[in-house]
Amino acid sequence: MPTPDHVELEFISRYMSRYAPVLFLILDEAGTIERMNAHAGQVIGDHCIGEPLQSVIIDYHQNFSLEAASQSPEVPRLLNIETQAGPTQSYHFHFFKSDNRIFAFAHLDVAEIESLSHELVAANQELNNLTRKLNKKNRELQDANATIVELSRTDPLTKLANRRYFETRIEEMVSVARRQSQPLALIMTDIDHFKKINDSYGHDAGDRVLAGYADLMMHGVRLEDMVARFGGEEFILLLPASHMDQAWNVAERLRTELSHADLLGNGVFVTASFGVSALKAEESIEDFIKRADKALYQAKQQGRNQTAKAD
């Protein structure tokens, strides 16, 4: 039957082997490492089992006696050991002799712990700094990508949608209108005698007229409506959930507002002509646009500064 001392020693041995966050080594009388706990395996490596303790101790010297240390377990021995990670670490060792075995317990030196803590804090701070820099770069990249997308869709002078983006959006809006059985209307508008404006007042004045007219239209339609520069002095408006008469009213209101807006800033007023079409059940997008363009041509032929409805 095992003695109480033997049972207690076995319990301590199992606990230290499995759980203790300190180095726990079992040596034979000659100082050869026979066993170690999990923490010691992480720090110095399981490969040291079968090796003498002095193979692990960096500053092993003649005046360190394992036998003497075992006789005075209450006196800690500060020893430097080689770790698996590479750097040496200072540990306080206590040695206890029992029968033909020597038990070695060791914990990190306080100064070593503080040093490691400072290194860890510094490493965490550096990681946080790098993370912040990375997040900033990611935000800058997202903003740059958003800017690139916006530029690819926008006419640089008028800040309206460009023709390429309009052609993408009209496909989507026609599809939605047909799927939901909703009306869809289109307005094409062209500034009257725009070449004469450029010839009389210069291209800078012409650019001001284009930008001013674009701004007038953007502020004169609903959020769900789309205004795009179709080419030159020609613009196109797409009005979802709008019938022919509703689109005609929008065109007339814009025409009137433009005729009273002093875009040139010299008292000479600019006018525009408009053509309106409403989407038919089976027609193509190309025909939908062509009918509005034909109505615009009709308005021009009839004297300009007016709105015509497509057949």
C-alpha atoms as a PDB file:
ATOM      1  CA  MET A   1       0.000   0.000   0.000  1.00  0.00           C
ATOM      2  CA  PRO A   2       1.490   3.416  -0.987  1.00  0.00           C
ATOM      3  CA  THR A   3       2.382   5.789   1.830  1.00  0.00           C
ATOM      4  CA  PRO A   4       0.633   9.205   2.148  1.00  0.00           C
ATOM      5  CA  ASP A   5       3.882  10.876   1.188  1.00  0.00           C
ATOM      6  CA  HIS A   6       4.056   8.777  -1.979  1.00  0.00           C
ATOM      7  CA  VAL A   7       0.423   9.586  -2.912  1.00  0.00           C
ATOM      8  CA  GLU A   8       1.049  13.322  -2.358  1.00  0.00           C
ATOM      9  CA  LEU A   9       4.199  13.199  -4.468  1.00  0.00           C
ATOM     10  CA  GLU A  10       2.341  11.462  -7.289  1.00  0.00           C
ATOM     11  CA  PHE A  11      -0.431  14.093  -7.189  1.00  0.00           C
ATOM     12  CA  ILE A  12       2.114  16.923  -7.296  1.00  0.00           C
ATOM     13  CA  SER A  13       3.933  15.245 -10.169  1.00  0.00           C
ATOM     14  CA  ARG A  14       0.744  14.817 -12.237  1.00  0.00           C
ATOM     15  CA  TYR A  15      -0.356  18.408 -11.567  1.00  0.00           C
ATOM     16  CA  MET A  16       3.006  19.922 -12.433  1.00  0.00           C
ATOM     17  CA  SER A  17       3.267  17.792 -15.575  1.00  0.00           C
ATOM     18  CA  ARG A  18      -0.119  18.782 -16.954  1.00  0.00           C
ATOM     19  CA  TYR A  19      -1.071  22.218 -15.717  1.00  0.00           C
ATOM     20  CA  ALA A  20       1.636  24.280 -14.057  1.00  0.00           C
ATOM     21  CA  PRO A  21       2.807  27.373 -15.994  1.00  0.00           C
ATOM     22  CA  VAL A  22       6.328  26.881 -14.630  1.00  0.00           C
ATOM     23  CA  LEU A  23       9.201  24.697 -15.744  1.00  0.00           C
ATOM     24  CA  PHE A  24       9.038  21.291 -14.031  1.00  0.00           C
ATOM     25  CA  LEU A  25      11.828  18.831 -14.728  1.00  0.00           C
ATOM     26  CA  ILE A  26      12.521  15.389 -13.262  1.00  0.00           C
ATOM     27  CA  LEU A  27      16.239  14.517 -13.272  1.00  0.00           C
ATOM     28  CA  ASP A  28      18.131  11.405 -12.292  1.00  0.00           C
ATOM     29  CA  GLU A  29      20.869  11.626  -9.690  1.00  0.00           C
ATOM     30  CA  ALA A  30      23.435  12.517 -12.368  1.00  0.00           C
ATOM     31  CA  GLY A  31      21.320  15.454 -13.574  1.00  0.00           C
ATOM     32  CA  THR A  32      19.961  13.903 -16.783  1.00  0.00           C
ATOM     33  CA  ILE A  33      16.494  15.114 -17.745  1.00  0.00           C
ATOM     34  CA  GLU A  34      14.025  12.221 -17.608  1.00  0.00           C
ATOM     35  CA  ARG A  35      10.684  14.008 -17.797  1.00  0.00           C
ATOM     36  CA  MET A  36       9.276  17.526 -18.130  1.00  0.00           C
ATOM     37  CA  ASN A  37       5.886  19.195 -18.003  1.00  0.00           C
ATOM     38  CA  ALA A  38       4.069  20.686 -20.991  1.00  0.00           C
ATOM     39  CA  HIS A  39       5.291  24.215 -20.266  1.00  0.00           C
ATOM     40  CA  ALA A  40       8.908  23.086 -20.160  1.00  0.00           C
ATOM     41  CA  GLY A  41       8.338  21.247 -23.430  1.00  0.00           C
ATOM     42  CA  GLN A  42       7.174  24.498 -25.007  1.00  0.00           C
ATOM     43  CA  VAL A  43      10.094  26.520 -23.631  1.00  0.00           C
ATOM     44  CA  ILE A  44      13.120  24.230 -23.987  1.00  0.00           C
ATOM     45  CA  GLY A  45      11.679  21.435 -26.135  1.00  0.00           C
ATOM     46  CA  ASP A  46      10.942  17.754 -25.578  1.00  0.00           C
ATOM     47  CA  HIS A  47      14.129  16.900 -27.463  1.00  0.00           C
ATOM     48  CA  CYS A  48      16.082  17.751 -24.282  1.00  0.00           C
ATOM     49  CA  ILE A  49      14.776  14.627 -22.535  1.00  0.00           C
ATOM     50  CA  GLY A  50      17.755  12.318 -22.076  1.00  0.00           C
ATOM     51  CA  GLU A  51      20.178  15.246 -22.084  1.00  0.00           C
ATOM     52  CA  PRO A  52      22.000  16.577 -19.002  1.00  0.00           C
ATOM     53  CA  LEU A  53      20.574  19.719 -17.453  1.00  0.00           C
ATOM     54  CA  GLN A  54      23.788  21.579 -18.174  1.00  0.00           C
ATOM     55  CA  SER A  55      23.095  21.233 -21.910  1.00  0.00           C
ATOM     56  CA  VAL A  56      20.125  23.544 -21.405  1.00  0.00           C
ATOM     57  CA  ILE A  57      21.817  25.971 -19.009  1.00  0.00           C
ATOM     58  CA  ILE A  58      23.782  28.610 -20.956  1.00  0.00           C
ATOM     59  CA  ASP A  59      25.973  29.867 -18.120  1.00  0.00           C
ATOM     60  CA  TYR A  60      26.636  26.515 -16.474  1.00  0.00           C
ATOM     61  CA  HIS A  61      29.821  26.765 -14.481  1.00  0.00           C
ATOM     62  CA  GLN A  62      31.875  24.696 -12.063  1.00  0.00           C
ATOM     63  CA  ASN A  63      30.693  26.396  -8.893  1.00  0.00           C
ATOM     64  CA  PHE A  64      27.102  25.391  -9.620  1.00  0.00           C
ATOM     65  CA  SER A  65      26.564  22.061  -7.946  1.00  0.00           C
ATOM     66  CA  LEU A  66      23.350  20.182  -8.539  1.00  0.00           C
ATOM     67  CA  GLU A  67      24.019  18.187  -5.386  1.00  0.00           C
ATOM     68  CA  ALA A  68      24.504  21.350  -3.321  1.00  0.00           C
ATOM     69  CA  ALA A  69      21.428  22.964  -4.870  1.00  0.00           C
ATOM     70  CA  SER A  70      19.365  19.910  -3.995  1.00  0.00           C
ATOM     71  CA  GLN A  71      20.456  20.160  -0.372  1.00  0.00           C
ATOM     72  CA  SER A  72      19.224  23.774  -0.144  1.00  0.00           C
ATOM     73  CA  PRO A  73      15.928  23.852  -2.086  1.00  0.00           C
ATOM     74  CA  GLU A  74      14.820  27.062  -0.395  1.00  0.00           C
ATOM     75  CA  VAL A  75      17.673  28.969  -2.053  1.00  0.00           C
ATOM     76  CA  PRO A  76      16.801  29.832  -5.669  1.00  0.00           C
ATOM     77  CA  ARG A  77      19.479  29.550  -8.356  1.00  0.00           C
ATOM     78  CA  LEU A  78      19.248  32.166 -11.111  1.00  0.00           C
ATOM     79  CA  LEU A  79      20.191  30.377 -14.319  1.00  0.00           C
ATOM     80  CA  ASN A  80      20.002  31.346 -17.974  1.00  0.00           C
ATOM     81  CA  ILE A  81      18.494  28.717 -20.250  1.00  0.00           C
ATOM     82  CA  GLU A  82      18.311  28.365 -24.014  1.00  0.00           C
ATOM     83  CA  THR A  83      14.742  28.461 -25.360  1.00  0.00           C
ATOM     84  CA  GLN A  84      13.338  26.927 -28.529  1.00  0.00           C
ATOM     85  CA  ALA A  85      12.494  30.418 -29.801  1.00  0.00           C
ATOM     86  CA  GLY A  86      16.185  31.353 -29.785  1.00  0.00           C
ATOM     87  CA  PRO A  87      16.743  34.001 -27.094  1.00  0.00           C
ATOM     88  CA  THR A  88      17.956  33.053 -23.618  1.00  0.00           C
ATOM     89  CA  GLN A  89      15.732  33.640 -20.593  1.00  0.00           C
ATOM     90  CA  SER A  90      16.562  33.903 -16.900  1.00  0.00           C
ATOM     91  CA  TYR A  91      14.786  31.453 -14.561  1.00  0.00           C
ATOM     92  CA  HIS A  92      14.877  30.996 -10.784  1.00  0.00           C
ATOM     93  CA  PHE A  93      15.416  27.261 -10.127  1.00  0.00           C
ATOM     94  CA  HIS A  94      14.622  25.279  -6.974  1.00  0.00           C
ATOM     95  CA  PHE A  95      15.938  21.717  -6.731  1.00  0.00           C
ATOM     96  CA  PHE A  96      14.419  19.049  -4.451  1.00  0.00           C
ATOM     97  CA  LYS A  97      15.908  15.593  -4.026  1.00  0.00           C
ATOM     98  CA  SER A  98      13.651  12.630  -3.305  1.00  0.00           C
ATOM     99  CA  ASP A  99      15.048   9.095  -3.243  1.00  0.00           C
ATOM    100  CA  ASN A 100      17.052   8.779  -6.451  1.00  0.00           C
ATOM    101  CA  ARG A 101      15.344  11.620  -8.308  1.00  0.00           C
ATOM    102  CA  ILE A 102      15.825  15.388  -8.398  1.00  0.00           C
ATOM    103  CA  PHE A 103      12.820  17.635  -9.008  1.00  0.00           C
ATOM    104  CA  ALA A 104      13.526  21.020 -10.579  1.00  0.00           C
ATOM    105  CA  PHE A 105      10.996  23.863 -10.459  1.00  0.00           C
ATOM    106  CA  ALA A 106      11.680  27.175 -12.209  1.00  0.00           C
ATOM    107  CA  HIS A 107       9.880  30.433 -12.848  1.00  0.00           C
ATOM    108  CA  LEU A 108      10.855  33.442 -14.939  1.00  0.00           C
ATOM    109  CA  ASP A 109      12.911  36.122 -13.266  1.00  0.00           C
ATOM    110  CA  VAL A 110      10.830  39.243 -12.469  1.00  0.00           C
ATOM    111  CA  ALA A 111      13.132  41.441 -14.528  1.00  0.00           C
ATOM    112  CA  GLU A 112      12.784  38.991 -17.406  1.00  0.00           C
ATOM    113  CA  ILE A 113       9.000  39.070 -17.091  1.00  0.00           C
ATOM    114  CA  GLU A 114       9.007  42.860 -17.102  1.00  0.00           C
ATOM    115  CA  SER A 115      11.295  42.872 -20.105  1.00  0.00           C
ATOM    116  CA  LEU A 116       9.047  40.454 -21.953  1.00  0.00           C
ATOM    117  CA  SER A 117       5.996  42.518 -20.939  1.00  0.00           C
ATOM    118  CA  HIS A 118       7.590  45.688 -22.302  1.00  0.00           C
ATOM    119  CA  GLU A 119       8.489  43.879 -25.515  1.00  0.00           C
ATOM    120  CA  LEU A 120       4.938  42.558 -25.777  1.00  0.00           C
ATOM    121  CA  VAL A 121       3.445  46.012 -25.177  1.00  0.00           C
ATOM    122  CA  ALA A 122       5.803  47.497 -27.770  1.00  0.00           C
ATOM    123  CA  ALA A 123       4.936  44.737 -30.234  1.00  0.00           C
ATOM    124  CA  ASN A 124       1.211  45.267 -29.648  1.00  0.00           C
ATOM    125  CA  GLN A 125       1.621  49.005 -30.091  1.00  0.00           C
ATOM    126  CA  GLU A 126       3.498  48.467 -33.339  1.00  0.00           C
ATOM    127  CA  LEU A 127       0.814  46.036 -34.487  1.00  0.00           C
ATOM    128  CA  ASN A 128      -1.892  48.575 -33.623  1.00  0.00           C
ATOM    129  CA  ASN A 129      -0.017  51.272 -35.530  1.00  0.00           C
ATOM    130  CA  LEU A 130       0.353  48.984 -38.537  1.00  0.00           C
ATOM    131  CA  THR A 131      -3.332  48.062 -38.322  1.00  0.00           C
ATOM    132  CA  ARG A 132      -4.339  51.730 -38.264  1.00  0.00           C
ATOM    133  CA  LYS A 133      -2.083  52.450 -41.230  1.00  0.00           C
ATOM    134  CA  LEU A 134      -3.493  49.468 -43.101  1.00  0.00           C
ATOM    135  CA  ASN A 135      -7.077  50.560 -42.361  1.00  0.00           C
ATOM    136  CA  LYS A 136      -6.243  54.067 -43.552  1.00  0.00           C
ATOM    137  CA  LYS A 137      -4.711  52.706 -46.769  1.00  0.00           C
ATOM    138  CA  ASN A 138      -7.764  50.489 -47.290  1.00  0.00           C
ATOM    139  CA  ARG A 139     -10.076  53.486 -46.861  1.00  0.00           C
ATOM    140  CA  GLU A 140      -7.950  55.508 -49.269  1.00  0.00           C
ATOM    141  CA  LEU A 141      -8.073  52.629 -51.753  1.00  0.00           C
ATOM    142  CA  GLN A 142     -11.854  52.353 -51.404  1.00  0.00           C
ATOM    143  CA  ASP A 143     -12.208  56.105 -51.912  1.00  0.00           C
ATOM    144  CA  ALA A 144      -9.902  55.957 -54.934  1.00  0.00           C
ATOM    145  CA  ASN A 145     -11.879  53.062 -56.418  1.00  0.00           C
ATOM    146  CA  ALA A 146     -15.139  54.934 -55.797  1.00  0.00           C
ATOM    147  CA  THR A 147     -13.659  58.001 -57.490  1.00  0.00           C
ATOM    148  CA  ILE A 148     -12.539  55.932 -60.477  1.00  0.00           C
ATOM    149  CA  VAL A 149     -16.010  54.392 -60.791  1.00  0.00           C
ATOM    150  CA  GLU A 150     -17.622  57.834 -60.525  1.00  0.00           C
ATOM    151  CA  LEU A 151     -15.283  59.301 -63.152  1.00  0.00           C
ATOM    152  CA  SER A 152     -16.023  56.427 -65.509  1.00  0.00           C
ATOM    153  CA  ARG A 153     -19.734  57.239 -65.258  1.00  0.00           C
ATOM    154  CA  THR A 154     -19.624  61.039 -65.265  1.00  0.00           C
ATOM    155  CA  ASP A 155     -19.274  63.708 -67.929  1.00  0.00           C
ATOM    156  CA  PRO A 156     -16.432  65.931 -66.649  1.00  0.00           C
ATOM    157  CA  LEU A 157     -17.908  69.252 -67.794  1.00  0.00           C
ATOM    158  CA  THR A 158     -21.551  68.960 -66.753  1.00  0.00           C
ATOM    159  CA  LYS A 159     -21.120  66.386 -63.920  1.00  0.00           C
ATOM    160  CA  LEU A 160     -24.058  64.490 -65.406  1.00  0.00           C
ATOM    161  CA  ALA A 161     -24.054  60.806 -66.243  1.00  0.00           C
ATOM    162  CA  ASN A 162     -22.196  60.147 -69.487  1.00  0.00           C
ATOM    163  CA  ARG A 163     -23.656  58.324 -72.489  1.00  0.00           C
ATOM    164  CA  ARG A 164     -21.992  55.002 -71.639  1.00  0.00           C
ATOM    165  CA  TYR A 165     -23.488  54.928 -68.155  1.00  0.00           C
ATOM    166  CA  PHE A 166     -26.869  56.053 -69.504  1.00  0.00           C
ATOM    167  CA  GLU A 167     -26.897  53.112 -71.911  1.00  0.00           C
ATOM    168  CA  THR A 168     -26.293  50.749 -69.002  1.00  0.00           C
ATOM    169  CA  ARG A 169     -28.988  52.292 -66.835  1.00  0.00           C
ATOM    170  CA  ILE A 170     -31.668  52.467 -69.533  1.00  0.00           C
ATOM    171  CA  GLU A 171     -31.450  48.707 -70.011  1.00  0.00           C
ATOM    172  CA  GLU A 172     -32.094  48.199 -66.294  1.00  0.00           C
ATOM    173  CA  MET A 173     -34.905  50.754 -66.146  1.00  0.00           C
ATOM    174  CA  VAL A 174     -36.680  49.372 -69.219  1.00  0.00           C
ATOM    175  CA  SER A 175     -36.448  45.881 -67.723  1.00  0.00           C
ATOM    176  CA  VAL A 176     -37.942  47.076 -64.412  1.00  0.00           C
ATOM    177  CA  ALA A 177     -40.718  49.017 -66.172  1.00  0.00           C
ATOM    178  CA  ARG A 178     -41.793  45.996 -68.202  1.00  0.00           C
ATOM    179  CA  ARG A 179     -41.511  43.553 -65.301  1.00  0.00           C
ATOM    180  CA  GLN A 180     -43.631  45.776 -63.055  1.00  0.00           C
ATOM    181  CA  SER A 181     -45.957  46.989 -65.849  1.00  0.00           C
ATOM    182  CA  GLN A 182     -45.024  50.626 -65.215  1.00  0.00           C
ATOM    183  CA  PRO A 183     -44.754  53.463 -67.750  1.00  0.00           C
ATOM    184  CA  LEU A 184     -41.365  54.907 -68.729  1.00  0.00           C
ATOM    185  CA  ALA A 185     -40.770  58.165 -70.594  1.00  0.00           C
ATOM    186  CA  LEU A 186     -37.805  59.729 -72.341  1.00  0.00           C
ATOM    187  CA  ILE A 187     -36.940  63.362 -73.065  1.00  0.00           C
ATOM    188  CA  MET A 188     -34.297  64.457 -75.539  1.00  0.00           C
ATOM    189  CA  THR A 189     -33.271  68.116 -75.530  1.00  0.00           C
ATOM    190  CA  ASP A 190     -30.842  70.147 -77.559  1.00  0.00           C
ATOM    191  CA  ILE A 191     -29.684  73.751 -77.002  1.00  0.00           C
ATOM    192  CA  ASP A 192     -30.828  75.966 -79.865  1.00  0.00           C
ATOM    193  CA  HIS A 193     -28.165  77.625 -82.040  1.00  0.00           C
ATOM    194  CA  PHE A 194     -25.353  76.388 -79.810  1.00  0.00           C
ATOM    195  CA  LYS A 195     -22.720  76.840 -82.536  1.00  0.00           C
ATOM    196  CA  LYS A 196     -23.701  80.516 -82.752  1.00  0.00           C
ATOM    197  CA  ILE A 197     -23.148  80.829 -78.982  1.00  0.00           C
ATOM    198  CA  ASN A 198     -19.625  79.423 -79.305  1.00  0.00           C
ATOM    199  CA  ASP A 199     -18.862  81.581 -82.332  1.00  0.00           C
ATOM    200  CA  SER A 200     -20.211  84.778 -80.728  1.00  0.00           C
ATOM    201  CA  TYR A 201     -19.013  84.439 -77.138  1.00  0.00           C
ATOM    202  CA  GLY A 202     -16.279  81.784 -77.221  1.00  0.00           C
ATOM    203  CA  HIS A 203     -16.033  78.173 -76.128  1.00  0.00           C
ATOM    204  CA  ASP A 204     -15.684  79.086 -72.447  1.00  0.00           C
ATOM    205  CA  ALA A 205     -19.084  80.757 -72.629  1.00  0.00           C
ATOM    206  CA  GLY A 206     -20.441  77.697 -74.416  1.00  0.00           C
ATOM    207  CA  ASP A 207     -19.110  75.484 -71.610  1.00  0.00           C
ATOM    208  CA  ARG A 208     -20.811  77.709 -69.020  1.00  0.00           C
ATOM    209  CA  VAL A 209     -24.098  77.321 -70.876  1.00  0.00           C
ATOM    210  CA  LEU A 210     -23.775  73.528 -70.972  1.00  0.00           C
ATOM    211  CA  ALA A 211     -22.866  73.311 -67.260  1.00  0.00           C
ATOM    212  CA  GLY A 212     -25.604  75.764 -66.301  1.00  0.00           C
ATOM    213  CA  TYR A 213     -28.255  73.924 -68.306  1.00  0.00           C
ATOM    214  CA  ALA A 214     -27.150  70.609 -66.763  1.00  0.00           C
ATOM    215  CA  ASP A 215     -27.507  72.097 -63.277  1.00  0.00           C
ATOM    216  CA  LEU A 216     -30.932  73.499 -64.109  1.00  0.00           C
ATOM    217  CA  MET A 217     -32.146  70.082 -65.256  1.00  0.00           C
ATOM    218  CA  MET A 218     -30.666  68.232 -62.270  1.00  0.00           C
ATOM    219  CA  HIS A 219     -32.535  70.531 -59.899  1.00  0.00           C
ATOM    220  CA  GLY A 220     -35.710  70.332 -61.965  1.00  0.00           C
ATOM    221  CA  VAL A 221     -36.342  66.586 -61.884  1.00  0.00           C
ATOM    222  CA  ARG A 222     -37.020  63.923 -59.234  1.00  0.00           C
ATOM    223  CA  LEU A 223     -34.318  61.933 -57.461  1.00  0.00           C
ATOM    224  CA  GLU A 224     -35.334  58.787 -59.342  1.00  0.00           C
ATOM    225  CA  ASP A 225     -35.033  60.497 -62.745  1.00  0.00           C
ATOM    226  CA  MET A 226     -31.810  60.267 -64.709  1.00  0.00           C
ATOM    227  CA  VAL A 227     -30.215  63.124 -66.652  1.00  0.00           C
ATOM    228  CA  ALA A 228     -27.285  62.400 -68.960  1.00  0.00           C
ATOM    229  CA  ARG A 229     -25.195  64.227 -71.516  1.00  0.00           C
ATOM    230  CA  PHE A 230     -25.886  62.366 -74.747  1.00  0.00           C
ATOM    231  CA  GLY A 231     -23.329  64.199 -76.853  1.00  0.00           C
ATOM    232  CA  GLY A 232     -22.282  67.763 -77.630  1.00  0.00           C
ATOM    233  CA  GLU A 233     -25.135  70.093 -76.656  1.00  0.00           C
ATOM    234  CA  GLU A 234     -27.668  67.247 -76.583  1.00  0.00           C
ATOM    235  CA  PHE A 235     -29.047  65.816 -73.326  1.00  0.00           C
ATOM    236  CA  ILE A 236     -31.359  62.944 -72.473  1.00  0.00           C
ATOM    237  CA  LEU A 237     -33.663  62.437 -69.488  1.00  0.00           C
ATOM    238  CA  LEU A 238     -35.147  59.139 -68.376  1.00  0.00           C
ATOM    239  CA  LEU A 239     -38.297  59.357 -66.242  1.00  0.00           C
ATOM    240  CA  PRO A 240     -39.518  56.142 -64.583  1.00  0.00           C
ATOM    241  CA  ALA A 241     -43.219  55.723 -63.707  1.00  0.00           C
ATOM    242  CA  SER A 242     -44.067  58.584 -66.075  1.00  0.00           C
ATOM    243  CA  HIS A 243     -46.553  58.715 -68.951  1.00  0.00           C
ATOM    244  CA  MET A 244     -46.191  60.820 -72.103  1.00  0.00           C
ATOM    245  CA  ASP A 245     -48.170  63.775 -70.741  1.00  0.00           C
ATOM    246  CA  GLN A 246     -46.202  63.831 -67.487  1.00  0.00           C
ATOM    247  CA  ALA A 247     -42.907  63.851 -69.396  1.00  0.00           C
ATOM    248  CA  TRP A 248     -44.218  66.596 -71.707  1.00  0.00           C
ATOM    249  CA  ASN A 249     -45.054  68.739 -68.644  1.00  0.00           C
ATOM    250  CA  VAL A 250     -41.516  68.243 -67.293  1.00  0.00           C
ATOM    251  CA  ALA A 251     -40.032  69.229 -70.657  1.00  0.00           C
ATOM    252  CA  GLU A 252     -42.182  72.356 -70.882  1.00  0.00           C
ATOM    253  CA  ARG A 253     -41.256  73.420 -67.373  1.00  0.00           C
ATOM    254  CA  LEU A 254     -37.526  72.989 -68.096  1.00  0.00           C
ATOM    255  CA  ARG A 255     -37.899  74.817 -71.407  1.00  0.00           C
ATOM    256  CA  THR A 256     -39.562  77.774 -69.705  1.00  0.00           C
ATOM    257  CA  GLU A 257     -37.013  77.895 -66.877  1.00  0.00           C
ATOM    258  CA  LEU A 258     -34.124  77.827 -69.354  1.00  0.00           C
ATOM    259  CA  SER A 259     -35.580  80.644 -71.441  1.00  0.00           C
ATOM    260  CA  HIS A 260     -35.569  82.868 -68.334  1.00  0.00           C
ATOM    261  CA  ALA A 261     -32.127  81.861 -67.053  1.00  0.00           C
ATOM    262  CA  ASP A 262     -29.269  84.237 -67.857  1.00  0.00           C
ATOM    263  CA  LEU A 263     -26.650  81.506 -68.303  1.00  0.00           C
ATOM    264  CA  LEU A 264     -24.352  83.756 -70.335  1.00  0.00           C
ATOM    265  CA  GLY A 265     -24.529  86.490 -67.728  1.00  0.00           C
ATOM    266  CA  ASN A 266     -24.960  89.210 -70.351  1.00  0.00           C
ATOM    267  CA  GLY A 267     -28.722  89.443 -70.729  1.00  0.00           C
ATOM    268  CA  VAL A 268     -28.744  87.188 -73.809  1.00  0.00           C
ATOM    269  CA  PHE A 269     -31.026  84.237 -73.070  1.00  0.00           C
ATOM    270  CA  VAL A 270     -30.604  80.680 -74.305  1.00  0.00           C
ATOM    271  CA  THR A 271     -33.395  78.338 -75.435  1.00  0.00           C
ATOM    272  CA  ALA A 272     -33.666  74.608 -76.120  1.00  0.00           C
ATOM    273  CA  SER A 273     -35.926  72.252 -78.012  1.00  0.00           C
ATOM    274  CA  PHE A 274     -37.412  69.002 -76.659  1.00  0.00           C
ATOM    275  CA  GLY A 275     -38.657  65.668 -77.959  1.00  0.00           C
ATOM    276  CA  VAL A 276     -40.669  63.292 -75.742  1.00  0.00           C
ATOM    277  CA  SER A 277     -41.438  59.582 -76.165  1.00  0.00           C
ATOM    278  CA  ALA A 278     -43.111  56.937 -73.990  1.00  0.00           C
ATOM    279  CA  LEU A 279     -41.990  53.308 -74.009  1.00  0.00           C
ATOM    280  CA  LYS A 280     -44.156  51.018 -76.124  1.00  0.00           C
ATOM    281  CA  ALA A 281     -44.853  47.412 -75.202  1.00  0.00           C
ATOM    282  CA  GLU A 282     -42.662  45.596 -77.698  1.00  0.00           C
ATOM    283  CA  GLU A 283     -40.263  48.225 -79.020  1.00  0.00           C
ATOM    284  CA  SER A 284     -36.497  48.054 -78.629  1.00  0.00           C
ATOM    285  CA  ILE A 285     -34.485  50.535 -76.602  1.00  0.00           C
ATOM    286  CA  GLU A 286     -32.983  51.813 -79.835  1.00  0.00           C
ATOM    287  CA  ASP A 287     -36.463  52.610 -81.243  1.00  0.00           C
ATOM    288  CA  PHE A 288     -37.513  54.166 -77.929  1.00  0.00           C
ATOM    289  CA  ILE A 289     -34.620  56.642 -78.202  1.00  0.00           C
ATOM    290  CA  LYS A 290     -35.035  57.162 -81.934  1.00  0.00           C
ATOM    291  CA  ARG A 291     -38.663  58.256 -81.532  1.00  0.00           C
ATOM    292  CA  ALA A 292     -37.662  60.883 -78.945  1.00  0.00           C
ATOM    293  CA  ASP A 293     -34.858  62.046 -81.239  1.00  0.00           C
ATOM    294  CA  LYS A 294     -37.288  62.296 -84.159  1.00  0.00           C
ATOM    295  CA  ALA A 295     -39.660  64.370 -82.022  1.00  0.00           C
ATOM    296  CA  LEU A 296     -36.756  66.653 -81.076  1.00  0.00           C
ATOM    297  CA  TYR A 297     -35.946  67.121 -84.764  1.00  0.00           C
ATOM    298  CA  GLN A 298     -39.606  67.971 -85.353  1.00  0.00           C
ATOM    299  CA  ALA A 299     -39.465  70.655 -82.624  1.00  0.00           C
ATOM    300  CA  LYS A 300     -36.369  72.112 -84.270  1.00  0.00           C
ATOM    301  CA  GLN A 301     -38.069  72.136 -87.671  1.00  0.00           C
ATOM    302  CA  GLN A 302     -41.116  73.871 -86.250  1.00  0.00           C
ATOM    303  CA  GLY A 303     -39.079  76.838 -85.042  1.00  0.00           C
ATOM    304  CA  ARG A 304     -37.160  75.669 -81.944  1.00  0.00           C
ATOM    305  CA  ASN A 305     -37.790  76.560 -78.285  1.00  0.00           C
ATOM    306  CA  GLN A 306     -40.701  74.117 -78.143  1.00  0.00           C
ATOM    307  CA  THR A 307     -41.605  70.525 -77.170  1.00  0.00           C
ATOM    308  CA  ALA A 308     -42.874  67.844 -79.555  1.00  0.00           C
ATOM    309  CA  LYS A 309     -44.360  64.439 -78.728  1.00  0.00           C
ATOM    310  CA  ALA A 310     -43.287  61.278 -80.529  1.00  0.00           C
ATOM    311  CA  ASP A 311     -45.839  59.241 -82.481  1.00  0.00           C
END
